[in-house]
Amino acid sequence: MNNLTDVPFGEELRATLGAPGRARVLDSSPRSRVWRVELPGGGPAVVKQLVDGPEAAGRYAREAAALRLAGRAAQPVVPRLLGTDDDARLLVMELLDHRPPAEGWEVAYAEALARLHASALTAPADELAALPPWSGPGDADIDSFLALAHALEATVPAGVRDELDGLVGRLGRPPLRPALLHGDPCPGNDLHTPDGIRFVDFEQASLGSGLMELAYVRIGFPTCWCVTAAPAPLLDAAEAAYRSAWRGATGTEPEGDLADACAGWLIRGNALVRRDHRDGTDYLARLPRQDWTWGTASARQRLLHRLGVVARMTEDGAGVGVGTDSGLGGLGRLAAEMAARIRARWPRLAPVPVRRPE
């Protein structure tokens, strides 16, 4: 390529779609290059190339597989995949008309997320094989979380370690009906079109429990730059919309418990930093002596929000999900005390934003 606007269309793509014209570079992450182009007879399209780097081939394979799987949904939840070039790690997709999200967008988001997740249930086995299983928290996350509790001088109730061991075990079991997980369903990766919400950027797609991503709305988008804390009635409506859409698409109830999902995100320290910083560093160990900002909130703000969510969800042992008892009562009491310790130590910490940025 001679310059940034030269789109690497190979002969096969040119034979199928024609030569792209009027190319314009779009904003993207350092892991990809993205262009807006005009296709002969096909109108505007988006071209995305996964650049050389660690796991580039795997990220491309995940995205291509996820777009193909989700593209079969009865109601569209992703852009149409127009063509691919495996050697160049290139994807050609329809261009979508994105509009600012409406008030209460979380409900439509959750409904679309359920339909995305459900698209895996009717997929051929060979296509599902292209996606890895979702990877949850482990023993190291438990150790780091309990070490933070001690650093904050919180009293760890008896049995919490057993609760966390059980939590990690439950989250590590594959569901009977694995969902197609986006992997990073953040504000910005949801395009609000006149025909509904479509999801983009599936480089981290996997198969697992859909509740791990439904939890994003309540726990505050843990892997995302943009954190929100929607009002409780809106959260309840979004979760009800998800369950209704899942039942409509599959005829079954979602597997698992939302309290488990939120607790799983709470104990993961690497969900306090950008993806390119998730290198094995114990970020929970840094929090007592250092705070840092990512996107719309600092690490301490994020953790305080998550602690409050888990404390409320596990109060009196009542989980929010399929089960009637979260089995995380001790963790809930610990989360409440850790939150109180954080507020006392850093009283100027503000709540995370209620709304996503425009």
Protein backbone atom coordinates (compact mmCIF):
# COMPACT_ATOMS: atom_id res chain seq x y z
CA MET A 1 0.00 0.00 0.00
CA ASN A 2 1.29 3.45 -0.90
CA ASN A 3 -0.65 5.43 1.70
CA LEU A 4 -3.22 5.07 4.44
CA THR A 5 -6.15 5.23 2.03
CA ASP A 6 -4.95 2.29 -0.09
CA VAL A 7 -7.27 -0.57 0.84
CA PRO A 8 -5.64 -4.03 0.56
CA PHE A 9 -8.34 -5.65 -1.59
CA GLY A 10 -7.04 -8.87 -3.12
CA GLU A 11 -8.01 -10.30 -6.50
CA GLU A 12 -10.73 -12.56 -5.08
CA LEU A 13 -12.47 -9.72 -3.26
CA ARG A 14 -12.21 -7.50 -6.33
CA ALA A 15 -13.75 -10.24 -8.45
CA THR A 16 -16.64 -10.59 -5.99
CA LEU A 17 -17.24 -7.03 -4.82
CA GLY A 18 -15.37 -4.86 -7.31
CA ALA A 19 -12.59 -2.37 -6.68
CA PRO A 20 -13.22 -0.14 -3.65
CA GLY A 21 -13.32 3.60 -4.25
CA ARG A 22 -13.39 6.82 -2.26
CA ALA A 23 -11.60 5.20 0.67
CA ARG A 24 -11.50 7.14 3.93
CA VAL A 25 -9.67 6.06 7.08
CA LEU A 26 -11.88 5.67 10.17
CA ASP A 27 -10.88 5.73 13.82
CA SER A 28 -9.90 2.32 15.18
CA SER A 29 -7.86 0.63 17.87
CA PRO A 30 -4.12 0.06 17.36
CA ARG A 31 -4.99 -3.59 16.63
CA SER A 32 -6.76 -2.82 13.35
CA ARG A 33 -7.07 -0.54 10.34
CA VAL A 34 -10.56 0.50 9.22
CA TRP A 35 -11.77 2.27 6.07
CA ARG A 36 -15.06 3.53 4.72
CA VAL A 37 -15.26 2.69 1.02
CA GLU A 38 -17.69 2.76 -1.89
CA LEU A 39 -18.27 -0.55 -3.68
CA PRO A 40 -19.37 -0.60 -7.34
CA GLY A 41 -23.09 -1.28 -7.32
CA GLY A 42 -23.02 -2.04 -3.61
CA GLY A 43 -22.83 1.38 -2.04
CA PRO A 44 -20.88 2.25 1.11
CA ALA A 45 -19.11 -0.43 3.14
CA VAL A 46 -16.61 -0.80 5.96
CA VAL A 47 -13.31 -2.63 5.51
CA LYS A 48 -11.46 -3.82 8.60
CA GLN A 49 -7.99 -5.36 8.65
CA LEU A 50 -6.48 -6.95 11.73
CA VAL A 51 -2.88 -5.73 11.79
CA ASP A 52 0.20 -7.82 12.52
CA GLY A 53 0.73 -8.39 16.20
CA PRO A 54 0.19 -10.84 19.05
CA GLU A 55 -2.77 -13.14 18.42
CA ALA A 56 -3.74 -11.28 15.23
CA ALA A 57 -4.71 -14.48 13.42
CA GLY A 58 -6.80 -15.62 16.37
CA ARG A 59 -8.56 -12.27 16.70
CA TYR A 60 -9.41 -12.32 13.00
CA ALA A 61 -10.71 -15.89 13.18
CA ARG A 62 -12.93 -15.01 16.15
CA GLU A 63 -14.39 -11.97 14.48
CA ALA A 64 -15.07 -13.70 11.18
CA ALA A 65 -16.67 -16.69 12.90
CA ALA A 66 -18.82 -14.53 15.17
CA LEU A 67 -20.09 -12.38 12.31
CA ARG A 68 -21.05 -15.47 10.32
CA LEU A 69 -22.84 -17.06 13.27
CA ALA A 70 -24.68 -13.92 14.32
CA GLY A 71 -25.49 -13.10 10.72
CA ARG A 72 -28.03 -15.94 10.72
CA ALA A 73 -30.17 -14.34 13.43
CA ALA A 74 -33.78 -13.79 12.35
CA GLN A 75 -33.51 -10.12 13.32
CA PRO A 76 -30.13 -8.58 12.46
CA VAL A 77 -27.76 -8.03 15.37
CA VAL A 78 -24.52 -7.50 13.42
CA PRO A 79 -23.53 -5.87 10.13
CA ARG A 80 -23.83 -8.09 7.06
CA LEU A 81 -20.49 -9.70 6.25
CA LEU A 82 -19.93 -9.03 2.55
CA GLY A 83 -16.57 -10.72 2.11
CA THR A 84 -13.34 -11.86 3.77
CA ASP A 85 -9.69 -12.38 2.90
CA ASP A 86 -8.16 -14.79 5.38
CA ASP A 87 -4.57 -14.25 4.20
CA ALA A 88 -4.85 -10.48 4.64
CA ARG A 89 -7.05 -10.80 7.77
CA LEU A 90 -9.58 -8.55 6.05
CA LEU A 91 -13.34 -8.21 6.65
CA VAL A 92 -15.78 -6.30 4.44
CA MET A 93 -19.08 -5.33 6.11
CA GLU A 94 -22.10 -3.22 5.37
CA LEU A 95 -21.94 0.37 6.58
CA LEU A 96 -24.56 1.06 9.26
CA ASP A 97 -26.26 4.34 10.11
CA HIS A 98 -25.44 4.92 13.78
CA ARG A 99 -27.49 7.40 15.79
CA PRO A 100 -27.14 8.66 19.37
CA PRO A 101 -28.65 6.16 21.84
CA ALA A 102 -32.12 6.97 23.09
CA GLU A 103 -32.93 7.52 26.76
CA GLY A 104 -33.18 4.13 28.44
CA TRP A 105 -31.09 2.50 25.70
CA GLU A 106 -30.08 -0.26 28.11
CA VAL A 107 -33.37 -2.10 27.52
CA ALA A 108 -32.95 -2.37 23.75
CA TYR A 109 -29.26 -3.16 24.27
CA ALA A 110 -30.05 -6.10 26.55
CA GLU A 111 -32.71 -7.42 24.19
CA ALA A 112 -30.31 -7.29 21.23
CA LEU A 113 -27.59 -8.89 23.35
CA ALA A 114 -29.88 -11.85 24.09
CA ARG A 115 -30.58 -12.36 20.39
CA LEU A 116 -26.86 -12.19 19.66
CA HIS A 117 -26.13 -14.76 22.37
CA ALA A 118 -28.90 -17.07 21.16
CA SER A 119 -27.53 -17.18 17.61
CA ALA A 120 -25.02 -19.84 18.67
CA LEU A 121 -27.69 -22.37 19.58
CA THR A 122 -28.58 -23.25 15.99
CA ALA A 123 -25.06 -23.02 14.56
CA PRO A 124 -23.26 -26.01 13.01
CA ALA A 125 -20.68 -27.64 15.28
CA ASP A 126 -17.81 -26.96 12.89
CA GLU A 127 -18.51 -23.22 12.99
CA LEU A 128 -18.74 -23.19 16.77
CA ALA A 129 -15.34 -24.89 16.90
CA ALA A 130 -13.73 -21.70 15.59
CA LEU A 131 -14.54 -19.94 18.88
CA PRO A 132 -12.78 -20.65 22.21
CA PRO A 133 -14.60 -21.17 25.49
CA TRP A 134 -14.99 -18.14 27.72
CA SER A 135 -12.27 -17.89 30.36
CA GLY A 136 -13.35 -16.92 33.87
CA PRO A 137 -11.59 -15.90 37.09
CA GLY A 138 -9.28 -18.30 38.88
CA ASP A 139 -7.50 -18.93 42.17
CA ALA A 140 -5.11 -16.03 41.62
CA ASP A 141 -8.07 -13.65 41.40
CA ILE A 142 -9.43 -14.96 44.70
CA ASP A 143 -6.04 -14.50 46.36
CA SER A 144 -5.71 -10.94 45.05
CA PHE A 145 -9.21 -9.96 46.13
CA LEU A 146 -8.79 -11.32 49.66
CA ALA A 147 -5.37 -9.67 49.93
CA LEU A 148 -7.02 -6.35 49.04
CA ALA A 149 -9.63 -6.92 51.74
CA HIS A 150 -6.85 -7.38 54.30
CA ALA A 151 -5.01 -4.30 52.98
CA LEU A 152 -8.20 -2.29 53.53
CA GLU A 153 -8.42 -3.76 57.06
CA ALA A 154 -11.79 -5.30 56.34
CA THR A 155 -12.89 -8.34 58.34
CA VAL A 156 -13.17 -11.38 56.08
CA PRO A 157 -16.15 -13.48 57.26
CA ALA A 158 -15.58 -17.16 57.85
CA GLY A 159 -16.42 -19.20 54.79
CA VAL A 160 -15.77 -16.48 52.21
CA ARG A 161 -12.85 -18.39 50.72
CA ASP A 162 -15.13 -21.40 50.25
CA GLU A 163 -17.79 -19.17 48.69
CA LEU A 164 -15.25 -17.79 46.23
CA ASP A 165 -13.90 -21.24 45.42
CA GLY A 166 -17.46 -22.33 44.68
CA LEU A 167 -18.05 -19.22 42.59
CA VAL A 168 -14.97 -19.84 40.44
CA GLY A 169 -16.00 -23.46 40.02
CA ARG A 170 -19.51 -22.54 38.88
CA LEU A 171 -18.28 -19.90 36.46
CA GLY A 172 -15.74 -22.34 35.04
CA ARG A 173 -18.34 -24.95 34.10
CA PRO A 174 -19.46 -24.63 30.48
CA PRO A 175 -23.21 -24.08 30.09
CA LEU A 176 -25.37 -26.77 28.53
CA ARG A 177 -26.33 -24.27 25.82
CA PRO A 178 -23.30 -22.04 25.17
CA ALA A 179 -24.08 -18.53 24.00
CA LEU A 180 -22.16 -16.52 21.42
CA LEU A 181 -20.39 -13.96 23.62
CA HIS A 182 -19.26 -10.70 22.08
CA GLY A 183 -16.23 -10.48 24.37
CA ASP A 184 -16.27 -6.70 24.69
CA PRO A 185 -19.91 -5.48 24.47
CA CYS A 186 -19.05 -1.91 25.38
CA PRO A 187 -20.74 1.38 24.61
CA GLY A 188 -19.31 2.19 21.20
CA ASN A 189 -19.39 -1.42 20.05
CA ASP A 190 -23.19 -1.15 19.91
CA LEU A 191 -24.47 0.74 16.88
CA HIS A 192 -27.94 2.22 17.35
CA THR A 193 -29.48 2.06 13.87
CA PRO A 194 -33.03 2.84 12.68
CA ASP A 195 -33.58 -0.94 12.53
CA GLY A 196 -32.27 -1.72 16.01
CA ILE A 197 -28.96 -2.28 17.74
CA ARG A 198 -26.13 -4.03 15.90
CA PHE A 199 -22.88 -5.11 17.53
CA VAL A 200 -19.40 -4.71 16.03
CA ASP A 201 -15.79 -5.60 16.91
CA PHE A 202 -15.86 -9.30 17.77
CA GLU A 203 -12.11 -9.84 18.17
CA GLN A 204 -12.64 -11.33 21.65
CA ALA A 205 -15.71 -13.44 20.84
CA SER A 206 -16.11 -16.76 22.65
CA LEU A 207 -18.69 -19.30 23.80
CA GLY A 208 -20.05 -19.25 27.34
CA SER A 209 -22.84 -18.10 29.61
CA GLY A 210 -24.76 -15.11 28.30
CA LEU A 211 -25.28 -13.84 31.85
CA MET A 212 -21.59 -12.91 31.98
CA GLU A 213 -22.37 -10.20 29.43
CA LEU A 214 -25.85 -9.34 30.66
CA ALA A 215 -24.03 -8.51 33.90
CA TYR A 216 -22.27 -5.63 32.12
CA VAL A 217 -25.35 -3.43 32.47
CA ARG A 218 -25.58 -3.83 36.26
CA ILE A 219 -21.90 -4.13 37.19
CA GLY A 220 -20.96 -1.13 35.03
CA PHE A 221 -19.33 -2.44 31.81
CA PRO A 222 -16.25 -3.95 33.45
CA THR A 223 -14.00 -4.31 30.39
CA CYS A 224 -14.95 -0.93 28.92
CA TRP A 225 -13.70 2.65 28.91
CA CYS A 226 -17.23 3.87 29.63
CA VAL A 227 -18.77 3.00 33.01
CA THR A 228 -22.42 3.64 33.81
CA ALA A 229 -24.63 3.11 36.86
CA ALA A 230 -28.19 3.07 35.56
CA PRO A 231 -31.13 3.47 37.99
CA ALA A 232 -32.46 0.24 39.50
CA PRO A 233 -35.81 0.27 37.61
CA LEU A 234 -33.95 0.58 34.32
CA LEU A 235 -31.62 -2.28 35.26
CA ASP A 236 -34.59 -4.47 36.15
CA ALA A 237 -36.28 -3.62 32.84
CA ALA A 238 -33.14 -4.40 30.85
CA GLU A 239 -32.66 -7.75 32.55
CA ALA A 240 -36.32 -8.65 32.03
CA ALA A 241 -35.98 -7.73 28.34
CA TYR A 242 -32.93 -9.98 28.03
CA ARG A 243 -34.68 -12.95 29.59
CA SER A 244 -37.78 -12.44 27.45
CA ALA A 245 -35.74 -12.20 24.24
CA TRP A 246 -33.70 -15.28 25.18
CA ARG A 247 -36.87 -17.27 25.87
CA GLY A 248 -38.35 -16.10 22.59
CA ALA A 249 -35.29 -17.19 20.64
CA THR A 250 -34.54 -20.47 22.44
CA GLY A 251 -37.65 -21.58 24.33
CA THR A 252 -35.50 -21.92 27.47
CA GLU A 253 -34.47 -19.88 30.50
CA PRO A 254 -30.93 -18.43 30.68
CA GLU A 255 -28.54 -20.67 32.58
CA GLY A 256 -26.72 -19.47 35.67
CA ASP A 257 -27.16 -16.68 38.20
CA LEU A 258 -26.61 -12.98 37.65
CA ALA A 259 -25.19 -12.55 41.16
CA ASP A 260 -22.47 -15.07 40.28
CA ALA A 261 -21.71 -13.20 37.07
CA CYS A 262 -21.38 -9.85 38.82
CA ALA A 263 -19.24 -11.34 41.61
CA GLY A 264 -17.00 -12.87 38.96
CA TRP A 265 -16.34 -9.43 37.49
CA LEU A 266 -15.78 -7.95 40.96
CA ILE A 267 -12.81 -10.16 41.81
CA ARG A 268 -11.02 -9.71 38.46
CA GLY A 269 -8.38 -7.03 38.88
CA ASN A 270 -7.55 -7.03 35.19
CA ALA A 271 -11.04 -5.62 34.56
CA LEU A 272 -9.75 -2.32 35.96
CA VAL A 273 -7.44 -1.56 33.02
CA ARG A 274 -7.46 -1.45 29.24
CA ARG A 275 -7.06 -4.71 27.38
CA ASP A 276 -3.49 -3.98 26.31
CA HIS A 277 -2.53 -3.58 29.99
CA ARG A 278 -3.91 -6.97 31.05
CA ASP A 279 -0.52 -8.58 31.36
CA GLY A 280 -0.74 -10.54 34.60
CA THR A 281 -0.09 -7.55 36.87
CA ASP A 282 -1.97 -7.68 40.18
CA TYR A 283 -3.92 -4.45 39.82
CA LEU A 284 -5.94 -4.99 42.99
CA ALA A 285 -2.66 -4.90 44.93
CA ARG A 286 -1.94 -1.44 43.51
CA LEU A 287 -5.24 0.13 44.54
CA PRO A 288 -4.41 0.95 48.19
CA ARG A 289 -1.44 3.07 47.10
CA GLN A 290 -2.34 4.20 43.58
CA ASP A 291 -5.42 5.21 41.59
CA TRP A 292 -5.58 5.66 37.83
CA THR A 293 -8.17 6.83 35.37
CA TRP A 294 -9.40 4.88 32.37
CA GLY A 295 -12.16 6.44 30.32
CA THR A 296 -14.99 7.83 32.42
CA ALA A 297 -13.92 6.55 35.86
CA SER A 298 -10.91 5.77 38.01
CA ALA A 299 -9.98 2.30 39.19
CA ARG A 300 -11.14 3.04 42.75
CA GLN A 301 -14.47 4.38 41.46
CA ARG A 302 -14.95 1.24 39.38
CA LEU A 303 -14.17 -1.05 42.29
CA LEU A 304 -16.39 0.88 44.69
CA HIS A 305 -19.30 0.62 42.26
CA ARG A 306 -18.79 -3.13 41.81
CA LEU A 307 -18.54 -3.72 45.55
CA GLY A 308 -21.84 -1.93 46.06
CA VAL A 309 -23.54 -3.93 43.32
CA VAL A 310 -22.44 -7.28 44.74
CA ALA A 311 -23.29 -6.24 48.31
CA ARG A 312 -26.85 -5.35 47.25
CA MET A 313 -27.34 -8.43 45.09
CA THR A 314 -26.27 -10.84 47.82
CA GLU A 315 -28.01 -9.11 50.73
CA ASP A 316 -29.79 -11.71 52.90
CA GLY A 317 -28.57 -14.39 50.48
CA ALA A 318 -31.00 -13.33 47.75
CA GLY A 319 -29.40 -13.52 44.32
CA VAL A 320 -30.59 -11.81 41.17
CA GLY A 321 -30.92 -14.58 38.65
CA VAL A 322 -32.32 -18.02 38.19
CA GLY A 323 -31.55 -19.20 41.71
CA THR A 324 -33.27 -17.98 44.86
CA ASP A 325 -30.10 -17.99 46.99
CA SER A 326 -26.82 -16.61 45.72
CA GLY A 327 -24.74 -18.64 48.18
CA LEU A 328 -22.55 -15.53 48.46
CA GLY A 329 -23.83 -14.01 51.69
CA GLY A 330 -20.37 -13.80 53.25
CA LEU A 331 -18.95 -12.19 50.13
CA GLY A 332 -21.79 -9.69 50.17
CA ARG A 333 -21.00 -8.67 53.75
CA LEU A 334 -17.31 -8.41 52.89
CA ALA A 335 -18.09 -6.30 49.82
CA ALA A 336 -20.19 -3.93 51.93
CA GLU A 337 -17.40 -3.50 54.48
CA MET A 338 -14.74 -3.02 51.79
CA ALA A 339 -16.92 -0.35 50.19
CA ALA A 340 -17.28 1.42 53.55
CA ARG A 341 -13.51 1.29 54.10
CA ILE A 342 -12.87 2.75 50.65
CA ARG A 343 -15.34 5.60 51.20
CA ALA A 344 -13.74 6.39 54.57
CA ARG A 345 -10.20 6.31 53.19
CA TRP A 346 -10.96 8.28 50.00
CA PRO A 347 -14.06 10.36 50.83
CA ARG A 348 -13.82 12.46 47.66
CA LEU A 349 -14.47 9.51 45.35
CA ALA A 350 -17.46 10.36 43.19
CA PRO A 351 -20.00 7.79 41.98
CA VAL A 352 -19.51 6.50 38.46
CA PRO A 353 -21.57 8.31 35.78
CA VAL A 354 -25.24 7.51 35.36
CA ARG A 355 -25.20 8.12 31.60
CA ARG A 356 -22.82 7.20 28.80
CA PRO A 357 -21.12 10.09 26.99
CA GLU A 358 -22.72 11.39 23.81
